[in-house]
N, C-alpha and C. Protein backbone atom coordinates (compact mmCIF):
# COMPACT_ATOMS: atom_id res chain seq x y z
N MET A 1 101.52 206.96 18.03
CA MET A 1 100.71 206.85 19.25
C MET A 1 100.11 208.20 19.59
N GLY A 2 98.79 208.24 19.83
CA GLY A 2 98.11 209.48 20.13
C GLY A 2 98.42 210.00 21.52
N LYS A 3 97.99 211.23 21.78
CA LYS A 3 98.25 211.85 23.07
C LYS A 3 97.61 211.07 24.21
N ARG A 4 96.43 210.52 23.95
CA ARG A 4 95.72 209.79 24.99
C ARG A 4 96.50 208.56 25.44
N LEU A 5 97.01 207.79 24.47
CA LEU A 5 97.77 206.60 24.81
C LEU A 5 99.12 206.94 25.43
N LYS A 6 99.72 208.03 24.97
CA LYS A 6 100.99 208.45 25.55
C LYS A 6 100.82 208.81 27.02
N ALA A 7 99.70 209.48 27.30
CA ALA A 7 99.42 209.86 28.69
C ALA A 7 99.18 208.61 29.55
N ALA A 8 98.50 207.63 28.95
CA ALA A 8 98.22 206.40 29.69
C ALA A 8 99.51 205.64 29.99
N LYS A 9 100.44 205.61 29.02
CA LYS A 9 101.70 204.92 29.22
C LYS A 9 102.52 205.55 30.33
N GLU A 10 102.34 206.86 30.54
CA GLU A 10 103.06 207.54 31.63
C GLU A 10 102.49 207.15 32.99
N ASN A 11 101.22 206.78 33.02
CA ASN A 11 100.57 206.43 34.29
C ASN A 11 100.60 204.94 34.60
N ILE A 12 100.78 204.13 33.56
CA ILE A 12 100.72 202.68 33.74
C ILE A 12 102.08 202.06 33.43
N ASP A 13 102.64 201.37 34.40
CA ASP A 13 103.93 200.70 34.23
C ASP A 13 103.67 199.30 33.68
N SER A 14 104.05 199.07 32.44
CA SER A 14 103.76 197.79 31.78
C SER A 14 104.51 196.61 32.41
N LYS A 15 105.55 196.92 33.21
CA LYS A 15 106.33 195.85 33.83
C LYS A 15 105.88 195.56 35.27
N LYS A 16 104.94 196.36 35.75
CA LYS A 16 104.49 196.20 37.14
C LYS A 16 103.23 195.34 37.22
N LEU A 17 103.13 194.58 38.31
CA LEU A 17 101.92 193.82 38.59
C LEU A 17 101.12 194.57 39.65
N TYR A 18 99.91 194.95 39.30
CA TYR A 18 99.08 195.75 40.19
C TYR A 18 98.10 194.87 40.95
N THR A 19 97.60 195.38 42.07
CA THR A 19 96.52 194.69 42.77
C THR A 19 95.23 194.92 41.98
N LEU A 20 94.23 194.16 42.28
CA LEU A 20 92.95 194.30 41.56
C LEU A 20 92.35 195.68 41.81
N LYS A 21 92.48 196.19 43.03
CA LYS A 21 91.95 197.52 43.34
C LYS A 21 92.72 198.60 42.59
N GLU A 22 94.03 198.47 42.53
CA GLU A 22 94.84 199.46 41.81
C GLU A 22 94.50 199.45 40.33
N ALA A 23 94.33 198.27 39.77
CA ALA A 23 94.01 198.15 38.35
C ALA A 23 92.64 198.76 38.04
N SER A 24 91.69 198.57 38.94
CA SER A 24 90.34 199.12 38.74
C SER A 24 90.38 200.63 38.70
N ALA A 25 91.15 201.23 39.61
CA ALA A 25 91.26 202.69 39.66
C ALA A 25 92.01 203.23 38.45
N LEU A 26 93.09 202.56 38.07
CA LEU A 26 93.88 203.01 36.92
C LEU A 26 93.08 202.91 35.62
N CYS A 27 92.34 201.83 35.51
CA CYS A 27 91.54 201.61 34.30
C CYS A 27 90.51 202.73 34.14
N LYS A 28 89.88 203.10 35.21
CA LYS A 28 88.89 204.17 35.19
C LYS A 28 89.55 205.51 34.86
N ASP A 29 90.63 205.81 35.56
CA ASP A 29 91.30 207.11 35.42
C ASP A 29 91.88 207.34 34.03
N ASN A 30 92.23 206.24 33.35
CA ASN A 30 92.88 206.39 32.04
C ASN A 30 91.95 206.14 30.87
N ALA A 31 90.66 206.00 31.14
CA ALA A 31 89.67 205.85 30.07
C ALA A 31 89.24 207.26 29.63
N LYS A 32 89.83 207.74 28.56
CA LYS A 32 89.61 209.13 28.14
C LYS A 32 88.87 209.26 26.81
N ALA A 33 88.30 208.17 26.32
CA ALA A 33 87.57 208.24 25.04
C ALA A 33 86.32 209.09 25.21
N LYS A 34 85.73 209.49 24.09
CA LYS A 34 84.55 210.36 24.12
C LYS A 34 83.26 209.58 24.36
N PHE A 35 83.37 208.28 24.58
CA PHE A 35 82.20 207.47 24.91
C PHE A 35 82.50 206.71 26.20
N ASP A 36 81.48 206.13 26.79
CA ASP A 36 81.64 205.41 28.04
C ASP A 36 82.23 204.03 27.76
N GLU A 37 83.53 203.91 27.95
CA GLU A 37 84.23 202.67 27.62
C GLU A 37 83.82 201.51 28.52
N THR A 38 83.83 200.32 27.95
CA THR A 38 83.58 199.11 28.73
C THR A 38 84.89 198.64 29.35
N VAL A 39 84.83 198.22 30.59
CA VAL A 39 86.01 197.69 31.27
C VAL A 39 85.93 196.17 31.24
N GLU A 40 87.02 195.53 30.82
CA GLU A 40 87.03 194.07 30.68
C GLU A 40 88.17 193.43 31.44
N LEU A 41 87.91 192.21 31.92
CA LEU A 41 88.94 191.36 32.49
C LEU A 41 89.34 190.33 31.44
N HIS A 42 90.63 190.03 31.39
CA HIS A 42 91.13 189.01 30.47
C HIS A 42 91.94 188.03 31.31
N VAL A 43 91.47 186.79 31.40
CA VAL A 43 92.08 185.80 32.29
C VAL A 43 92.56 184.59 31.48
N ARG A 44 93.87 184.36 31.49
CA ARG A 44 94.42 183.19 30.79
C ARG A 44 94.55 182.05 31.79
N LEU A 45 93.89 180.94 31.48
CA LEU A 45 93.81 179.82 32.40
C LEU A 45 94.71 178.66 32.00
N GLY A 46 95.15 177.92 33.00
CA GLY A 46 95.97 176.74 32.76
C GLY A 46 95.11 175.52 32.54
N ILE A 47 94.38 175.51 31.44
CA ILE A 47 93.50 174.40 31.11
C ILE A 47 93.78 173.92 29.69
N ASP A 48 93.40 172.68 29.42
CA ASP A 48 93.52 172.13 28.07
C ASP A 48 92.13 172.11 27.46
N THR A 49 91.83 173.09 26.63
CA THR A 49 90.47 173.24 26.08
C THR A 49 90.09 172.12 25.12
N LYS A 50 91.06 171.28 24.75
CA LYS A 50 90.74 170.15 23.87
C LYS A 50 90.08 169.02 24.65
N LYS A 51 90.19 169.10 25.99
CA LYS A 51 89.59 168.07 26.83
C LYS A 51 88.24 168.54 27.35
N SER A 52 87.24 167.69 27.18
CA SER A 52 85.87 168.05 27.57
C SER A 52 85.73 168.32 29.07
N ASP A 53 86.58 167.69 29.88
CA ASP A 53 86.47 167.87 31.33
C ASP A 53 87.26 169.07 31.83
N GLN A 54 87.79 169.87 30.90
CA GLN A 54 88.51 171.08 31.31
C GLN A 54 87.90 172.34 30.68
N GLN A 55 86.63 172.26 30.35
CA GLN A 55 85.93 173.44 29.83
C GLN A 55 85.52 174.32 31.00
N VAL A 56 85.72 175.61 30.84
CA VAL A 56 85.33 176.56 31.88
C VAL A 56 84.21 177.44 31.35
N ARG A 57 83.05 177.29 31.95
CA ARG A 57 81.87 178.06 31.55
C ARG A 57 81.00 178.25 32.77
N ALA A 58 80.58 179.48 33.02
CA ALA A 58 79.79 179.74 34.23
C ALA A 58 79.01 181.03 34.08
N MET A 59 78.17 181.28 35.08
CA MET A 59 77.39 182.52 35.14
C MET A 59 77.73 183.24 36.44
N VAL A 60 77.62 184.53 36.42
CA VAL A 60 77.84 185.32 37.63
C VAL A 60 76.95 186.55 37.57
N VAL A 61 76.40 186.91 38.71
CA VAL A 61 75.61 188.14 38.80
C VAL A 61 76.55 189.24 39.30
N LEU A 62 76.83 190.20 38.45
CA LEU A 62 77.71 191.30 38.85
C LEU A 62 77.00 192.16 39.89
N PRO A 63 77.60 192.36 41.06
CA PRO A 63 76.92 193.10 42.13
C PRO A 63 76.51 194.52 41.75
N ASN A 64 77.22 195.10 40.77
CA ASN A 64 76.90 196.47 40.36
C ASN A 64 76.41 196.56 38.92
N GLY A 65 76.00 195.42 38.37
CA GLY A 65 75.46 195.42 37.01
C GLY A 65 76.53 195.62 35.95
N THR A 66 76.10 195.60 34.72
CA THR A 66 77.03 195.75 33.59
C THR A 66 77.11 197.18 33.07
N GLY A 67 76.16 198.00 33.48
CA GLY A 67 76.12 199.36 32.95
C GLY A 67 75.35 199.44 31.65
N LYS A 68 74.80 198.31 31.25
CA LYS A 68 74.01 198.25 30.01
C LYS A 68 72.65 197.66 30.31
N THR A 69 71.62 198.30 29.81
CA THR A 69 70.26 197.80 30.01
C THR A 69 69.95 196.76 28.94
N LYS A 70 69.63 195.56 29.37
CA LYS A 70 69.33 194.48 28.44
C LYS A 70 67.82 194.31 28.25
N ARG A 71 67.43 194.09 27.01
CA ARG A 71 66.04 193.75 26.72
C ARG A 71 65.89 192.24 26.79
N ILE A 72 65.04 191.79 27.69
CA ILE A 72 64.85 190.36 27.92
C ILE A 72 63.56 189.88 27.28
N ALA A 73 63.67 188.89 26.41
CA ALA A 73 62.49 188.27 25.80
C ALA A 73 62.29 186.89 26.42
N VAL A 74 61.04 186.51 26.60
CA VAL A 74 60.73 185.20 27.20
C VAL A 74 59.76 184.45 26.31
N LEU A 75 60.12 183.21 25.99
CA LEU A 75 59.23 182.32 25.25
C LEU A 75 58.63 181.35 26.26
N ALA A 76 57.35 181.51 26.52
CA ALA A 76 56.69 180.67 27.52
C ALA A 76 55.18 180.72 27.31
N LYS A 77 54.50 179.82 27.99
CA LYS A 77 53.04 179.76 27.88
C LYS A 77 52.40 179.70 29.27
N GLY A 78 51.13 180.06 29.32
CA GLY A 78 50.36 179.95 30.55
C GLY A 78 50.92 180.70 31.73
N GLU A 79 51.02 180.03 32.87
CA GLU A 79 51.46 180.67 34.10
C GLU A 79 52.90 181.16 34.02
N HIS A 80 53.71 180.49 33.22
CA HIS A 80 55.11 180.91 33.08
C HIS A 80 55.20 182.22 32.31
N ALA A 81 54.33 182.41 31.35
CA ALA A 81 54.29 183.68 30.61
C ALA A 81 53.85 184.80 31.54
N GLN A 82 52.89 184.51 32.39
CA GLN A 82 52.42 185.50 33.36
C GLN A 82 53.53 185.86 34.35
N ALA A 83 54.29 184.85 34.78
CA ALA A 83 55.40 185.09 35.71
C ALA A 83 56.46 185.97 35.06
N ALA A 84 56.69 185.76 33.76
CA ALA A 84 57.67 186.56 33.04
C ALA A 84 57.26 188.03 32.99
N GLN A 85 55.98 188.26 32.74
CA GLN A 85 55.47 189.63 32.68
C GLN A 85 55.59 190.32 34.03
N LYS A 86 55.27 189.59 35.10
CA LYS A 86 55.36 190.15 36.44
C LYS A 86 56.80 190.45 36.83
N ALA A 87 57.73 189.63 36.32
CA ALA A 87 59.14 189.80 36.65
C ALA A 87 59.79 190.96 35.90
N GLY A 88 59.08 191.50 34.90
CA GLY A 88 59.61 192.65 34.18
C GLY A 88 60.24 192.35 32.84
N ALA A 89 59.94 191.19 32.25
CA ALA A 89 60.46 190.87 30.92
C ALA A 89 59.96 191.91 29.92
N ASP A 90 60.82 192.28 28.98
CA ASP A 90 60.45 193.31 28.01
C ASP A 90 59.54 192.77 26.91
N LEU A 91 59.64 191.48 26.67
CA LEU A 91 58.86 190.87 25.59
C LEU A 91 58.50 189.44 25.99
N VAL A 92 57.24 189.11 25.93
CA VAL A 92 56.78 187.77 26.30
C VAL A 92 55.88 187.26 25.18
N GLY A 93 56.12 186.03 24.74
CA GLY A 93 55.29 185.49 23.67
C GLY A 93 55.40 183.99 23.56
N GLY A 94 54.64 183.43 22.61
CA GLY A 94 54.65 181.99 22.36
C GLY A 94 54.94 181.77 20.89
N ASP A 95 53.98 181.19 20.19
CA ASP A 95 54.17 180.93 18.75
C ASP A 95 54.37 182.23 17.97
N ASP A 96 53.73 183.30 18.43
CA ASP A 96 53.88 184.59 17.74
C ASP A 96 55.31 185.10 17.82
N LEU A 97 55.96 184.88 18.97
CA LEU A 97 57.35 185.32 19.13
C LEU A 97 58.28 184.51 18.24
N VAL A 98 58.04 183.19 18.17
CA VAL A 98 58.85 182.33 17.30
C VAL A 98 58.70 182.77 15.85
N GLU A 99 57.48 183.09 15.45
CA GLU A 99 57.22 183.52 14.07
C GLU A 99 57.96 184.81 13.76
N ASP A 100 57.96 185.75 14.71
CA ASP A 100 58.68 187.02 14.50
C ASP A 100 60.18 186.77 14.33
N ILE A 101 60.72 185.85 15.14
CA ILE A 101 62.15 185.55 15.07
C ILE A 101 62.52 184.96 13.72
N THR A 102 61.69 184.05 13.22
CA THR A 102 61.97 183.42 11.92
C THR A 102 61.93 184.44 10.78
N LYS A 103 61.22 185.56 11.02
CA LYS A 103 61.15 186.62 10.01
C LYS A 103 62.27 187.65 10.19
N GLY A 104 63.14 187.38 11.17
CA GLY A 104 64.27 188.29 11.40
C GLY A 104 63.98 189.43 12.33
N LYS A 105 62.82 189.40 12.98
CA LYS A 105 62.48 190.47 13.91
C LYS A 105 62.99 190.09 15.29
N ILE A 106 64.15 190.63 15.64
CA ILE A 106 64.78 190.31 16.92
C ILE A 106 64.98 191.60 17.69
N ASP A 107 64.08 191.87 18.59
CA ASP A 107 64.11 193.12 19.36
C ASP A 107 64.45 192.83 20.82
N PHE A 108 65.52 192.07 21.03
CA PHE A 108 65.92 191.71 22.39
C PHE A 108 67.40 191.36 22.43
N ASP A 109 67.96 191.37 23.63
CA ASP A 109 69.38 191.04 23.82
C ASP A 109 69.57 189.64 24.36
N VAL A 110 68.57 189.14 25.11
CA VAL A 110 68.63 187.80 25.69
C VAL A 110 67.27 187.15 25.54
N LEU A 111 67.29 185.86 25.18
CA LEU A 111 66.05 185.10 25.06
C LEU A 111 66.03 183.98 26.11
N VAL A 112 64.99 183.96 26.91
CA VAL A 112 64.81 182.92 27.93
C VAL A 112 63.60 182.08 27.52
N ALA A 113 63.69 180.78 27.74
CA ALA A 113 62.58 179.90 27.36
C ALA A 113 62.38 178.81 28.41
N THR A 114 61.16 178.36 28.53
CA THR A 114 60.90 177.22 29.41
C THR A 114 61.19 175.94 28.62
N PRO A 115 61.61 174.86 29.30
CA PRO A 115 61.98 173.62 28.61
C PRO A 115 60.88 173.06 27.70
N ASP A 116 59.62 173.26 28.07
CA ASP A 116 58.52 172.66 27.31
C ASP A 116 58.27 173.33 25.96
N VAL A 117 58.88 174.49 25.71
CA VAL A 117 58.66 175.16 24.42
C VAL A 117 59.91 175.18 23.55
N MET A 118 60.98 174.54 24.01
CA MET A 118 62.23 174.56 23.25
C MET A 118 62.06 173.91 21.87
N ARG A 119 61.17 172.93 21.79
CA ARG A 119 60.94 172.27 20.50
C ARG A 119 60.41 173.28 19.47
N ASP A 120 59.64 174.24 19.95
CA ASP A 120 59.06 175.25 19.06
C ASP A 120 60.12 176.15 18.46
N LEU A 121 61.29 176.22 19.12
CA LEU A 121 62.35 177.11 18.66
C LEU A 121 63.24 176.47 17.60
N ALA A 122 63.02 175.19 17.31
CA ALA A 122 63.88 174.47 16.37
C ALA A 122 64.00 175.19 15.02
N LYS A 123 62.87 175.71 14.53
CA LYS A 123 62.91 176.35 13.21
C LYS A 123 63.57 177.72 13.24
N ALA A 124 63.84 178.24 14.44
CA ALA A 124 64.50 179.54 14.56
C ALA A 124 65.97 179.39 14.96
N ALA A 125 66.42 178.14 15.13
CA ALA A 125 67.78 177.88 15.61
C ALA A 125 68.85 178.47 14.69
N LYS A 126 68.61 178.39 13.37
CA LYS A 126 69.61 178.90 12.43
C LYS A 126 69.75 180.42 12.49
N ILE A 127 68.73 181.07 13.01
CA ILE A 127 68.77 182.53 13.14
C ILE A 127 69.36 182.92 14.49
N LEU A 128 68.94 182.22 15.54
CA LEU A 128 69.39 182.56 16.88
C LEU A 128 70.81 182.09 17.17
N GLY A 129 71.17 180.90 16.67
CA GLY A 129 72.49 180.33 16.96
C GLY A 129 73.66 181.23 16.61
N PRO A 130 73.75 181.69 15.34
CA PRO A 130 74.88 182.54 14.95
C PRO A 130 74.96 183.85 15.73
N ARG A 131 73.83 184.29 16.28
CA ARG A 131 73.80 185.53 17.06
C ARG A 131 74.07 185.30 18.54
N GLY A 132 74.24 184.04 18.91
CA GLY A 132 74.48 183.72 20.31
C GLY A 132 73.27 183.93 21.19
N LEU A 133 72.07 183.81 20.60
CA LEU A 133 70.83 184.08 21.32
C LEU A 133 70.00 182.84 21.62
N MET A 134 70.49 181.68 21.19
CA MET A 134 69.72 180.46 21.44
C MET A 134 69.75 180.12 22.92
N PRO A 135 68.59 179.95 23.54
CA PRO A 135 68.54 179.60 24.97
C PRO A 135 69.32 178.32 25.24
N ASN A 136 69.97 178.29 26.40
CA ASN A 136 70.82 177.16 26.75
C ASN A 136 70.73 176.89 28.25
N PRO A 137 70.51 175.65 28.65
CA PRO A 137 70.41 175.33 30.08
C PRO A 137 71.66 175.75 30.86
N LYS A 138 72.86 175.57 30.24
CA LYS A 138 74.10 175.91 30.92
C LYS A 138 74.22 177.42 31.16
N ALA A 139 73.54 178.20 30.32
CA ALA A 139 73.57 179.65 30.47
C ALA A 139 72.44 180.14 31.36
N GLY A 140 71.62 179.19 31.83
CA GLY A 140 70.51 179.56 32.70
C GLY A 140 69.35 180.20 31.98
N THR A 141 69.32 180.05 30.65
CA THR A 141 68.25 180.67 29.87
C THR A 141 67.20 179.66 29.42
N VAL A 142 67.33 178.42 29.85
CA VAL A 142 66.27 177.42 29.68
C VAL A 142 65.89 176.97 31.07
N THR A 143 64.75 177.42 31.55
CA THR A 143 64.38 177.16 32.94
C THR A 143 62.88 177.38 33.15
N PHE A 144 62.34 176.70 34.13
CA PHE A 144 60.95 176.94 34.52
C PHE A 144 60.87 178.07 35.55
N ASP A 145 62.02 178.39 36.15
CA ASP A 145 62.04 179.48 37.13
C ASP A 145 62.27 180.80 36.39
N ILE A 146 61.28 181.18 35.62
CA ILE A 146 61.37 182.36 34.76
C ILE A 146 61.59 183.64 35.55
N ALA A 147 60.87 183.79 36.64
CA ALA A 147 60.98 185.02 37.44
C ALA A 147 62.41 185.25 37.91
N LYS A 148 63.05 184.19 38.39
CA LYS A 148 64.43 184.30 38.87
C LYS A 148 65.37 184.65 37.74
N ALA A 149 65.21 184.00 36.60
CA ALA A 149 66.09 184.24 35.45
C ALA A 149 65.99 185.69 34.98
N VAL A 150 64.77 186.18 34.85
CA VAL A 150 64.57 187.56 34.39
C VAL A 150 65.16 188.54 35.40
N ALA A 151 64.90 188.31 36.68
CA ALA A 151 65.40 189.21 37.73
C ALA A 151 66.93 189.27 37.73
N GLU A 152 67.58 188.11 37.60
CA GLU A 152 69.05 188.08 37.62
C GLU A 152 69.63 188.72 36.37
N LEU A 153 69.02 188.47 35.22
CA LEU A 153 69.51 189.09 33.99
C LEU A 153 69.38 190.60 34.03
N LYS A 154 68.27 191.08 34.59
CA LYS A 154 68.07 192.51 34.73
C LYS A 154 69.07 193.11 35.72
N ALA A 155 69.45 192.31 36.72
CA ALA A 155 70.36 192.79 37.76
C ALA A 155 71.82 192.79 37.31
N GLY A 156 72.10 192.10 36.23
CA GLY A 156 73.47 192.09 35.73
C GLY A 156 74.11 190.72 35.64
N ARG A 157 73.30 189.68 35.47
CA ARG A 157 73.87 188.35 35.31
C ARG A 157 74.49 188.19 33.92
N ILE A 158 75.69 187.67 33.88
CA ILE A 158 76.36 187.45 32.60
C ILE A 158 76.89 186.03 32.56
N GLU A 159 77.13 185.55 31.37
CA GLU A 159 77.73 184.23 31.18
C GLU A 159 79.11 184.43 30.58
N PHE A 160 80.05 183.58 30.96
CA PHE A 160 81.37 183.63 30.35
C PHE A 160 81.88 182.22 30.12
N LYS A 161 82.80 182.09 29.20
CA LYS A 161 83.45 180.80 28.97
C LYS A 161 84.83 181.03 28.36
N ALA A 162 85.70 180.07 28.59
CA ALA A 162 87.06 180.17 28.04
C ALA A 162 87.01 179.91 26.54
N ASP A 163 87.80 180.67 25.79
CA ASP A 163 87.85 180.45 24.34
C ASP A 163 88.80 179.29 24.05
N THR A 164 89.07 179.05 22.78
CA THR A 164 89.90 177.90 22.40
C THR A 164 91.34 178.02 22.90
N TYR A 165 91.74 179.22 23.30
CA TYR A 165 93.09 179.43 23.82
C TYR A 165 93.11 179.38 25.35
N GLY A 166 91.96 179.09 25.96
CA GLY A 166 91.90 179.03 27.41
C GLY A 166 91.84 180.40 28.05
N ILE A 167 91.38 181.39 27.31
CA ILE A 167 91.29 182.75 27.84
C ILE A 167 89.83 183.15 28.01
N VAL A 168 89.54 183.75 29.16
CA VAL A 168 88.20 184.24 29.46
C VAL A 168 88.21 185.76 29.34
N HIS A 169 87.29 186.30 28.55
CA HIS A 169 87.13 187.75 28.41
C HIS A 169 85.77 188.12 29.00
N VAL A 170 85.76 188.96 30.01
CA VAL A 170 84.51 189.27 30.70
C VAL A 170 84.37 190.78 30.94
N PRO A 171 83.24 191.38 30.54
CA PRO A 171 83.01 192.80 30.87
C PRO A 171 82.67 192.92 32.35
N VAL A 172 83.27 193.90 33.02
CA VAL A 172 83.02 194.07 34.45
C VAL A 172 82.50 195.47 34.79
N GLY A 173 81.98 196.16 33.79
CA GLY A 173 81.40 197.47 34.06
C GLY A 173 81.77 198.50 33.02
N LYS A 174 81.52 199.75 33.37
CA LYS A 174 81.81 200.87 32.49
C LYS A 174 82.80 201.82 33.17
N ALA A 175 83.51 202.57 32.35
CA ALA A 175 84.49 203.52 32.90
C ALA A 175 83.82 204.59 33.76
N SER A 176 82.54 204.81 33.56
CA SER A 176 81.80 205.80 34.34
C SER A 176 81.50 205.30 35.75
N PHE A 177 81.69 203.99 35.99
CA PHE A 177 81.46 203.42 37.31
C PHE A 177 82.48 203.97 38.30
N ASP A 178 82.09 204.00 39.57
CA ASP A 178 83.05 204.26 40.63
C ASP A 178 84.08 203.13 40.60
N ALA A 179 85.35 203.45 40.89
CA ALA A 179 86.41 202.45 40.82
C ALA A 179 86.14 201.26 41.72
N ASN A 180 85.51 201.49 42.86
CA ASN A 180 85.23 200.40 43.78
C ASN A 180 84.17 199.45 43.22
N LYS A 181 83.25 200.00 42.42
CA LYS A 181 82.22 199.15 41.80
C LYS A 181 82.85 198.27 40.72
N ILE A 182 83.82 198.82 40.00
CA ILE A 182 84.54 198.01 39.01
C ILE A 182 85.27 196.88 39.73
N TYR A 183 85.91 197.24 40.84
CA TYR A 183 86.64 196.24 41.64
C TYR A 183 85.71 195.14 42.14
N GLU A 184 84.56 195.51 42.67
CA GLU A 184 83.63 194.52 43.21
C GLU A 184 83.13 193.58 42.12
N ASN A 185 82.85 194.13 40.94
CA ASN A 185 82.40 193.29 39.82
C ASN A 185 83.52 192.33 39.39
N ALA A 186 84.73 192.88 39.28
CA ALA A 186 85.87 192.06 38.86
C ALA A 186 86.14 190.95 39.86
N LYS A 187 86.05 191.27 41.14
CA LYS A 187 86.29 190.26 42.18
C LYS A 187 85.24 189.16 42.11
N ALA A 188 83.99 189.52 41.84
CA ALA A 188 82.92 188.53 41.72
C ALA A 188 83.22 187.57 40.56
N VAL A 189 83.73 188.10 39.46
CA VAL A 189 84.07 187.27 38.31
C VAL A 189 85.22 186.33 38.64
N LEU A 190 86.28 186.88 39.24
CA LEU A 190 87.45 186.06 39.56
C LEU A 190 87.12 184.99 40.60
N ASP A 191 86.30 185.33 41.57
CA ASP A 191 85.87 184.34 42.57
C ASP A 191 85.12 183.20 41.90
N THR A 192 84.28 183.54 40.93
CA THR A 192 83.51 182.52 40.22
C THR A 192 84.42 181.64 39.37
N ILE A 193 85.39 182.25 38.70
CA ILE A 193 86.33 181.47 37.88
C ILE A 193 87.09 180.47 38.76
N LEU A 194 87.47 180.89 39.96
CA LEU A 194 88.16 179.99 40.88
C LEU A 194 87.25 178.84 41.32
N LYS A 195 85.98 179.15 41.55
CA LYS A 195 85.03 178.13 42.01
C LYS A 195 84.78 177.04 40.97
N VAL A 196 84.88 177.41 39.69
CA VAL A 196 84.58 176.43 38.64
C VAL A 196 85.85 175.81 38.06
N LYS A 197 86.94 175.89 38.79
CA LYS A 197 88.18 175.28 38.32
C LYS A 197 87.98 173.79 38.09
N PRO A 198 88.30 173.28 36.91
CA PRO A 198 88.15 171.84 36.64
C PRO A 198 89.07 171.03 37.55
N SER A 199 88.56 169.95 38.08
CA SER A 199 89.36 169.13 39.00
C SER A 199 90.56 168.50 38.31
N THR A 200 90.48 168.37 36.99
CA THR A 200 91.58 167.75 36.25
C THR A 200 92.65 168.75 35.81
N SER A 201 92.43 170.03 36.09
CA SER A 201 93.40 171.06 35.73
C SER A 201 94.57 171.01 36.71
N LYS A 202 95.76 170.84 36.21
CA LYS A 202 96.94 170.74 37.05
C LYS A 202 97.84 171.98 36.90
N GLY A 203 98.66 172.22 37.91
CA GLY A 203 99.57 173.35 37.85
C GLY A 203 98.85 174.65 38.16
N THR A 204 99.41 175.75 37.68
CA THR A 204 98.83 177.06 37.93
C THR A 204 97.54 177.22 37.15
N TYR A 205 96.48 177.56 37.84
CA TYR A 205 95.16 177.70 37.20
C TYR A 205 95.04 179.05 36.52
N MET A 206 95.14 180.13 37.30
CA MET A 206 95.12 181.47 36.71
C MET A 206 96.56 181.86 36.36
N LYS A 207 96.86 181.85 35.08
CA LYS A 207 98.23 182.15 34.65
C LYS A 207 98.49 183.66 34.56
N THR A 208 97.60 184.36 33.88
CA THR A 208 97.73 185.82 33.80
C THR A 208 96.35 186.45 33.87
N VAL A 209 96.30 187.63 34.46
CA VAL A 209 95.06 188.40 34.53
C VAL A 209 95.38 189.84 34.19
N SER A 210 94.60 190.42 33.32
CA SER A 210 94.78 191.84 33.00
C SER A 210 93.42 192.51 32.87
N MET A 211 93.43 193.81 32.99
CA MET A 211 92.21 194.60 32.88
C MET A 211 92.45 195.75 31.91
N SER A 212 91.45 196.07 31.12
CA SER A 212 91.59 197.18 30.18
C SER A 212 90.23 197.76 29.86
N SER A 213 90.22 199.01 29.45
CA SER A 213 89.00 199.62 28.94
C SER A 213 89.01 199.45 27.43
N THR A 214 87.93 199.78 26.78
CA THR A 214 87.80 199.56 25.33
C THR A 214 88.97 200.12 24.54
N MET A 215 89.36 201.34 24.86
CA MET A 215 90.43 202.01 24.12
C MET A 215 91.71 202.14 24.94
N GLY A 216 91.74 201.50 26.09
CA GLY A 216 92.87 201.69 27.00
C GLY A 216 93.94 200.60 26.91
N LEU A 217 95.01 200.82 27.65
CA LEU A 217 96.10 199.86 27.72
C LEU A 217 95.77 198.75 28.71
N GLY A 218 96.37 197.59 28.51
CA GLY A 218 96.17 196.49 29.43
C GLY A 218 96.95 196.72 30.71
N ILE A 219 96.31 196.46 31.84
CA ILE A 219 96.95 196.62 33.14
C ILE A 219 97.11 195.23 33.74
N HIS A 220 98.35 194.83 34.00
CA HIS A 220 98.63 193.47 34.47
C HIS A 220 98.41 193.37 35.98
N ILE A 221 97.73 192.31 36.39
CA ILE A 221 97.36 192.11 37.79
C ILE A 221 98.16 190.96 38.39
N ASP A 222 98.57 191.14 39.62
CA ASP A 222 99.32 190.12 40.35
C ASP A 222 98.41 188.92 40.64
N VAL A 223 98.67 187.79 40.00
CA VAL A 223 97.79 186.62 40.15
C VAL A 223 98.16 185.73 41.33
N THR A 224 99.33 185.97 41.96
CA THR A 224 99.75 185.09 43.04
C THR A 224 98.75 185.11 44.19
N LYS A 225 98.25 186.31 44.49
CA LYS A 225 97.28 186.43 45.56
C LYS A 225 95.93 185.86 45.14
N LEU A 226 95.59 186.00 43.87
CA LEU A 226 94.31 185.50 43.38
C LEU A 226 94.27 183.97 43.44
N ASN A 227 95.37 183.32 43.02
CA ASN A 227 95.42 181.87 43.07
C ASN A 227 95.43 181.35 44.50
N ALA A 228 96.01 182.14 45.40
CA ALA A 228 96.04 181.75 46.81
C ALA A 228 94.64 181.74 47.39
């Protein structure tokens, strides 16, 4: 174990349950890598992911952003393309954009499309799908309200979903953030997870919650208050 992790173990009690605010401050203070580490929440839910009515997937706009600037591309035509440009999209196109994608030219982090052009993306699905870039109505990236989608994505809107083990992994900022900003982002995520609790989920919903930076130790959070 390196000096950095040894120092972190002295500051973080692995047997203690911290409040969300305490965890946010500890996570920031113990992020000592030479790069700006990402801070993540890890939430294990009491759901059965094999059941279609217990899938947890949602979007949330982080009040303090993600700390990462995203390049937003929009596939739209006519007035919707104009709205995308006015909203600040980094790349706006129609058939030309689809052609570039099929050639492997992907110069964006998120792709938004209007419903009427989704058929045009069919030939690019095999390229976009594996990269997680295919527009999806559930992710809010297939919409006629292009201006709103672009504005929210630029402001820090993210999508999350539970994996096959019922665990949600969500970035809530950077170690360079003020601790209170990390806390506010994390609270927004947890509030959203509570709001989308499946009605068929029984027993304890949030089983465990922890926070960690990219190279840091996991900090366990007291979930009793969160579930309350």
